[in-house]
């Protein structure tokens, strides 16, 4: 039996890591500066365990 190809959600881990590193390395001298929000959209990675709905 071979590996099962499971459908998963790609949560953009590399992009999250890049944003986290950038925010940690930015100077934080200005405490009055508003917080930063980064919005990333997860994507569905369809594999063999996904079935399309019937029409």
C-alpha atoms as a PDB file:
ATOM      1  CA  UNK A   1       0.000   0.000   0.000  1.00  0.00           C
ATOM      2  CA  UNK A   2       1.441   3.391  -1.029  1.00  0.00           C
ATOM      3  CA  UNK A   3       1.151   6.742   0.697  1.00  0.00           C
ATOM      4  CA  UNK A   4      -2.308   8.292   0.917  1.00  0.00           C
ATOM      5  CA  UNK A   5      -2.556  11.627  -0.886  1.00  0.00           C
ATOM      6  CA  UNK A   6      -4.621  13.670   1.602  1.00  0.00           C
ATOM      7  CA  UNK A   7      -6.297  16.963   0.805  1.00  0.00           C
ATOM      8  CA  UNK A   8      -4.902  19.690   3.052  1.00  0.00           C
ATOM      9  CA  UNK A   9      -4.946  23.430   3.702  1.00  0.00           C
ATOM     10  CA  UNK A  10      -1.824  25.429   2.863  1.00  0.00           C
ATOM     11  CA  UNK A  11      -1.617  28.107   5.559  1.00  0.00           C
ATOM     12  CA  UNK A  12       1.303  29.961   3.919  1.00  0.00           C
ATOM     13  CA  UNK A  13       3.809  29.000   6.626  1.00  0.00           C
ATOM     14  CA  UNK A  14       6.768  30.546   4.820  1.00  0.00           C
ATOM     15  CA  UNK A  15       4.935  33.851   4.385  1.00  0.00           C
ATOM     16  CA  UNK A  16       3.932  33.827   8.063  1.00  0.00           C
ATOM     17  CA  UNK A  17       7.580  33.229   9.009  1.00  0.00           C
ATOM     18  CA  UNK A  18       8.827  36.033   6.746  1.00  0.00           C
ATOM     19  CA  UNK A  19       6.304  38.479   8.232  1.00  0.00           C
ATOM     20  CA  UNK A  20       7.173  37.435  11.787  1.00  0.00           C
ATOM     21  CA  UNK A  21      10.916  37.862  11.184  1.00  0.00           C
ATOM     22  CA  UNK A  22      10.409  41.256   9.534  1.00  0.00           C
ATOM     23  CA  UNK A  23       8.269  42.500  12.410  1.00  0.00           C
ATOM     24  CA  UNK A  24      10.769  41.258  15.000  1.00  0.00           C
ATOM     25  CA  UNK A  25      13.685  42.920  13.237  1.00  0.00           C
ATOM     26  CA  UNK A  26      11.995  46.296  12.668  1.00  0.00           C
ATOM     27  CA  UNK A  27      12.969  48.953  15.203  1.00  0.00           C
ATOM     28  CA  UNK A  28      10.260  49.218  17.854  1.00  0.00           C
ATOM     29  CA  UNK A  29      11.275  52.577  19.366  1.00  0.00           C
ATOM     30  CA  UNK A  30       7.913  54.188  18.570  1.00  0.00           C
ATOM     31  CA  UNK A  31       5.567  52.622  21.143  1.00  0.00           C
ATOM     32  CA  UNK A  32       2.717  54.863  19.967  1.00  0.00           C
ATOM     33  CA  UNK A  33       2.776  53.320  16.503  1.00  0.00           C
ATOM     34  CA  UNK A  34      -0.382  51.285  15.735  1.00  0.00           C
ATOM     35  CA  UNK A  35      -0.043  47.513  15.599  1.00  0.00           C
ATOM     36  CA  UNK A  36       0.515  45.808  12.263  1.00  0.00           C
ATOM     37  CA  UNK A  37      -1.839  43.197  10.871  1.00  0.00           C
ATOM     38  CA  UNK A  38      -0.984  40.853   8.033  1.00  0.00           C
ATOM     39  CA  UNK A  39      -3.845  39.067   6.328  1.00  0.00           C
ATOM     40  CA  UNK A  40      -3.020  35.843   4.535  1.00  0.00           C
ATOM     41  CA  UNK A  41      -5.513  33.627   2.755  1.00  0.00           C
ATOM     42  CA  UNK A  42      -5.166  29.869   3.176  1.00  0.00           C
ATOM     43  CA  UNK A  43      -5.659  27.742   0.071  1.00  0.00           C
ATOM     44  CA  UNK A  44      -7.112  24.277  -0.297  1.00  0.00           C
ATOM     45  CA  UNK A  45      -4.663  21.786  -1.785  1.00  0.00           C
ATOM     46  CA  UNK A  46      -6.896  19.186  -3.407  1.00  0.00           C
ATOM     47  CA  UNK A  47      -5.576  15.672  -3.644  1.00  0.00           C
ATOM     48  CA  UNK A  48      -7.108  12.218  -3.976  1.00  0.00           C
ATOM     49  CA  UNK A  49      -9.236  12.493  -0.820  1.00  0.00           C
ATOM     50  CA  UNK A  50     -11.368  15.316  -2.258  1.00  0.00           C
ATOM     51  CA  UNK A  51     -14.570  14.561  -4.151  1.00  0.00           C
ATOM     52  CA  UNK A  52     -16.302  17.258  -6.190  1.00  0.00           C
ATOM     53  CA  UNK A  53     -19.982  17.749  -5.329  1.00  0.00           C
ATOM     54  CA  UNK A  54     -22.380  16.159  -7.761  1.00  0.00           C
ATOM     55  CA  UNK A  55     -24.419  18.587  -9.849  1.00  0.00           C
END
